[in-house]
Protein backbone atom coordinates (compact mmCIF):
# COMPACT_ATOMS: atom_id res chain seq x y z
CA MET A 1 -1.41 -17.92 12.21
CA SER A 2 2.09 -18.83 11.27
CA ILE A 3 4.61 -15.99 11.85
CA ALA A 4 8.32 -17.11 10.72
CA ALA A 5 11.04 -14.61 11.77
CA THR A 6 13.67 -13.61 9.15
CA GLN A 7 16.31 -16.25 8.34
CA LEU A 8 18.75 -13.40 7.35
CA LYS A 9 21.17 -12.04 9.93
CA PRO A 10 20.67 -8.59 11.24
CA THR A 11 23.46 -7.15 9.27
CA ALA A 12 22.10 -8.45 5.97
CA VAL A 13 18.63 -6.96 6.75
CA ASN A 14 20.29 -3.90 7.37
CA THR A 15 22.44 -3.77 4.24
CA ILE A 16 19.25 -4.57 2.11
CA PHE A 17 17.37 -1.63 3.34
CA ARG A 18 20.32 0.57 3.41
CA THR A 19 20.66 -0.32 -0.12
CA PHE A 20 17.09 0.47 -0.96
CA ALA A 21 17.61 3.82 1.01
CA GLU A 22 20.50 4.74 -1.03
CA ALA A 23 18.83 4.08 -4.40
CA THR A 24 15.54 5.96 -3.34
CA PRO A 25 16.03 8.03 -0.32
CA HIS A 26 12.47 9.39 -0.05
CA PRO A 27 10.11 7.05 -1.69
CA VAL A 28 6.37 8.01 -1.91
CA THR A 29 3.29 6.39 -3.05
CA GLU A 30 2.75 6.49 -6.94
CA LEU A 31 -1.10 7.17 -6.42
CA VAL A 32 -1.78 10.76 -7.37
CA ALA A 33 -4.08 12.92 -5.11
CA PRO A 34 -4.55 16.26 -3.94
CA ASN A 35 -5.41 15.69 -0.41
CA PRO A 36 -5.64 13.18 2.31
CA PHE A 37 -9.25 12.48 1.54
CA CYS A 38 -8.68 11.97 -2.11
CA LEU A 39 -5.70 9.67 -1.16
CA LEU A 40 -7.83 7.49 1.01
CA VAL A 41 -10.27 7.20 -1.92
CA ALA A 42 -7.43 6.36 -4.34
CA ILE A 43 -6.15 3.55 -1.94
CA VAL A 44 -9.42 2.10 -1.76
CA LEU A 45 -9.70 2.18 -5.48
CA SER A 46 -6.26 0.57 -5.72
CA ALA A 47 -7.42 -2.71 -4.44
CA GLN A 48 -7.03 -5.41 -7.06
CA ALA A 49 -6.07 -2.59 -9.55
CA THR A 50 -2.87 -0.87 -10.68
CA ASP A 51 -1.86 2.58 -9.47
CA VAL A 52 -1.60 3.45 -13.15
CA GLY A 53 -5.13 2.75 -13.82
CA VAL A 54 -6.34 4.49 -10.68
CA ASN A 55 -4.49 7.50 -11.87
CA LYS A 56 -5.84 7.54 -15.01
CA ALA A 57 -9.56 7.61 -13.72
CA THR A 58 -9.27 9.75 -10.57
CA PRO A 59 -8.40 13.38 -11.99
CA PRO A 60 -11.81 13.96 -13.42
CA LEU A 61 -13.59 12.53 -10.19
CA PHE A 62 -11.31 14.68 -7.67
CA ALA A 63 -11.97 17.66 -9.98
CA VAL A 64 -15.68 17.72 -8.85
CA ALA A 65 -15.22 15.78 -5.56
CA ASP A 66 -12.26 16.50 -3.61
CA THR A 67 -13.99 16.39 0.09
CA PRO A 68 -16.19 13.83 1.46
CA GLN A 69 -19.15 16.22 1.37
CA LYS A 70 -18.82 16.71 -2.42
CA MET A 71 -18.22 13.09 -2.72
CA ALA A 72 -21.31 12.21 -0.84
CA ALA A 73 -23.37 14.57 -2.90
CA LEU A 74 -22.10 13.21 -5.91
CA GLY A 75 -23.92 9.90 -5.53
CA GLU A 76 -22.97 6.26 -6.39
CA GLY A 77 -24.05 6.43 -9.90
CA ARG A 78 -22.02 9.36 -10.88
CA VAL A 79 -19.12 7.80 -9.05
CA LYS A 80 -19.46 4.85 -11.02
CA ASP A 81 -19.21 6.71 -14.07
CA TYR A 82 -15.88 8.22 -13.18
CA ILE A 83 -14.28 4.79 -12.05
CA LYS A 84 -15.84 2.44 -14.60
CA THR A 85 -12.61 1.63 -15.98
CA ILE A 86 -11.31 0.29 -12.58
CA GLY A 87 -11.93 -3.38 -11.48
CA LEU A 88 -14.92 -3.85 -9.05
CA PHE A 89 -16.21 -0.50 -9.73
CA ASN A 90 -19.68 -1.16 -8.59
CA SER A 91 -18.65 -2.24 -5.24
CA LYS A 92 -16.01 0.43 -5.03
CA ALA A 93 -18.47 3.19 -5.75
CA LYS A 94 -20.85 2.02 -2.99
CA ASN A 95 -17.88 1.93 -0.44
CA ILE A 96 -16.89 5.35 -1.52
CA ILE A 97 -20.09 6.97 -0.90
CA ALA A 98 -20.77 4.87 2.33
CA LEU A 99 -17.03 5.93 3.42
CA SER A 100 -17.83 9.77 2.59
CA ARG A 101 -21.06 9.71 4.53
CA ARG A 102 -19.44 7.89 7.42
CA VAL A 103 -16.68 10.49 7.44
CA VAL A 104 -19.05 13.40 7.62
CA GLU A 105 -21.60 12.00 9.85
CA THR A 106 -19.34 10.50 12.38
CA TYR A 107 -15.96 12.30 12.04
CA HIS A 108 -17.33 15.89 11.02
CA GLY A 109 -15.49 15.70 7.69
CA GLU A 110 -12.03 14.95 9.08
CA ILE A 111 -10.38 11.59 8.30
CA PRO A 112 -9.85 9.67 11.50
CA THR A 113 -6.17 9.08 12.38
CA THR A 114 -6.05 5.77 14.09
CA ARG A 115 -5.96 2.30 12.40
CA GLU A 116 -8.89 1.15 14.27
CA ALA A 117 -11.08 3.94 13.38
CA LEU A 118 -10.07 4.06 9.91
CA GLU A 119 -10.93 0.25 9.69
CA THR A 120 -14.53 1.25 10.39
CA LEU A 121 -15.04 3.09 7.28
CA PRO A 122 -16.56 1.11 4.32
CA GLY A 123 -13.95 -0.43 1.94
CA VAL A 124 -11.07 0.35 4.26
CA GLY A 125 -9.29 -2.63 5.72
CA ARG A 126 -5.85 -3.04 7.56
CA LYS A 127 -3.68 -2.54 4.45
CA THR A 128 -5.47 0.42 3.19
CA ALA A 129 -5.29 2.00 6.78
CA ASN A 130 -1.71 1.31 6.92
CA VAL A 131 -0.93 2.89 3.69
CA TRP A 132 -2.82 5.84 4.48
CA LEU A 133 -1.20 6.35 7.96
CA ASN A 134 2.13 5.91 6.45
CA CYS A 135 1.73 8.36 3.25
CA VAL A 136 -0.25 11.12 5.29
CA LEU A 137 0.76 10.91 8.84
CA GLY A 138 4.53 9.44 8.40
CA GLU A 139 3.60 6.42 10.79
CA PRO A 140 6.07 3.57 10.33
CA THR A 141 3.22 1.23 9.44
CA ILE A 142 4.07 -1.70 7.06
CA ALA A 143 1.26 -2.34 4.58
CA VAL A 144 1.42 -5.69 2.79
CA ASP A 145 0.28 -5.94 -0.91
CA THR A 146 0.96 -8.78 -3.23
CA HIS A 147 4.49 -7.06 -4.02
CA VAL A 148 5.49 -6.81 -0.19
CA PHE A 149 4.44 -10.38 0.37
CA ARG A 150 6.28 -11.74 -2.60
CA VAL A 151 9.51 -9.72 -2.15
CA ALA A 152 9.72 -10.23 1.64
CA ASN A 153 9.31 -13.96 1.38
CA ARG A 154 11.83 -14.25 -1.48
CA LEU A 155 14.43 -12.12 0.10
CA GLY A 156 13.96 -14.22 3.20
CA LEU A 157 12.80 -11.45 5.45
CA CYS A 158 10.09 -13.91 6.65
CA ARG A 159 8.36 -17.13 5.90
CA THR A 160 4.89 -16.54 5.98
CA THR A 161 1.67 -17.44 4.22
CA THR A 162 -0.88 -14.57 5.14
CA PRO A 163 -0.62 -10.75 4.66
CA LEU A 164 -0.95 -10.38 8.54
CA ALA A 165 1.64 -12.78 9.45
CA THR A 166 3.89 -10.99 6.84
CA GLU A 167 3.28 -7.52 8.48
CA LEU A 168 3.99 -8.95 12.09
CA ALA A 169 6.81 -10.62 10.88
CA LEU A 170 8.26 -7.65 9.17
CA GLU A 171 7.64 -5.62 12.14
CA LYS A 172 10.18 -7.68 14.13
CA ALA A 173 12.70 -8.14 11.27
CA ILE A 174 13.00 -4.55 10.10
CA PRO A 175 15.13 -2.18 12.20
CA LYS A 176 13.30 0.94 13.29
CA GLN A 177 15.35 3.27 11.38
CA TRP A 178 14.15 1.59 8.10
CA LYS A 179 10.36 1.26 8.88
CA GLN A 180 8.84 4.45 7.82
CA HIS A 181 9.76 3.63 4.09
CA ALA A 182 10.13 -0.04 4.38
CA HIS A 183 6.86 -0.93 2.56
CA HIS A 184 7.46 1.47 -0.06
CA TRP A 185 10.83 0.20 -0.76
CA LEU A 186 9.51 -3.33 -1.11
CA ILE A 187 6.84 -2.18 -3.34
CA LEU A 188 8.93 -0.64 -5.76
CA HIS A 189 11.52 -3.44 -5.76
CA GLY A 190 8.53 -5.86 -6.59
CA ARG A 191 7.07 -3.64 -9.15
CA TYR A 192 9.99 -2.89 -11.25
CA ILE A 193 12.66 -5.66 -10.44
CA CYS A 194 11.46 -8.56 -8.30
CA LYS A 195 8.30 -9.16 -10.73
CA ALA A 196 6.18 -12.16 -10.12
CA ARG A 197 6.68 -14.09 -13.16
CA ALA A 198 9.92 -12.85 -14.44
CA PRO A 199 11.98 -11.46 -11.65
CA GLU A 200 15.13 -9.49 -13.16
CA CYS A 201 17.46 -10.98 -10.66
CA GLY A 202 20.47 -9.73 -12.87
CA ARG A 203 20.11 -6.20 -12.10
CA CYS A 204 18.97 -6.57 -8.41
CA PRO A 205 21.07 -4.40 -6.08
CA VAL A 206 20.33 -7.01 -3.12
CA ARG A 207 20.76 -10.24 -4.86
CA GLU A 208 23.73 -11.00 -2.80
CA TRP A 209 21.69 -11.27 0.29
CA CYS A 210 18.58 -12.71 -1.38
CA GLY A 211 17.30 -16.14 -0.39
CA TYR A 212 15.26 -16.79 -3.27
CA LYS A 213 16.32 -20.29 -4.45
CA ALA A 214 15.03 -19.83 -8.08
CA LYS A 215 16.74 -16.54 -8.80
CA LEU A 216 18.23 -16.10 -12.14
CA VAL A 217 21.53 -14.42 -12.06
């Protein structure tokens, strides 16, 4: 696994995240959920799907099943009916039911609070666990999705080829004071400015420190 540290100077890294913080002091997930269990379900559903699409599908589901006990009782078939507009809904419904049963049977209905334990739940990988720990417990975890991977490498915060390598590189590159919100800032930047196909470099607040060779200004 290749882990390349940032080529940016510490002052530049600090300035980038200070700029993000000034624009959005308290970033939060755009997934809508009434409680930690529902948020975990929403994060599982968001894999290879948009937050907007998940938010359209989940309110009716959470209205009838907002606990692992209720979700398990709902059954795979009925869960499919609620989430059929979301990509990979068959496998996701299966995972959500299995996840709910595992939480009830193994953790007495409470979501476990370590990444290792979370990753034993069906449908929960490292990124999902990191998102939940960050959003619910405020842990300074860095969840690497497609936006974080793209933005981090474009800016020059790292030079990596895998999500795990990116996470580990960002852990080293980002100062402690910015870590709690770092992945949210990078997600928002990638979603609304540093877009995959047409980055809007002209209105990028951190373009001065960006190492993206193809940036359009």
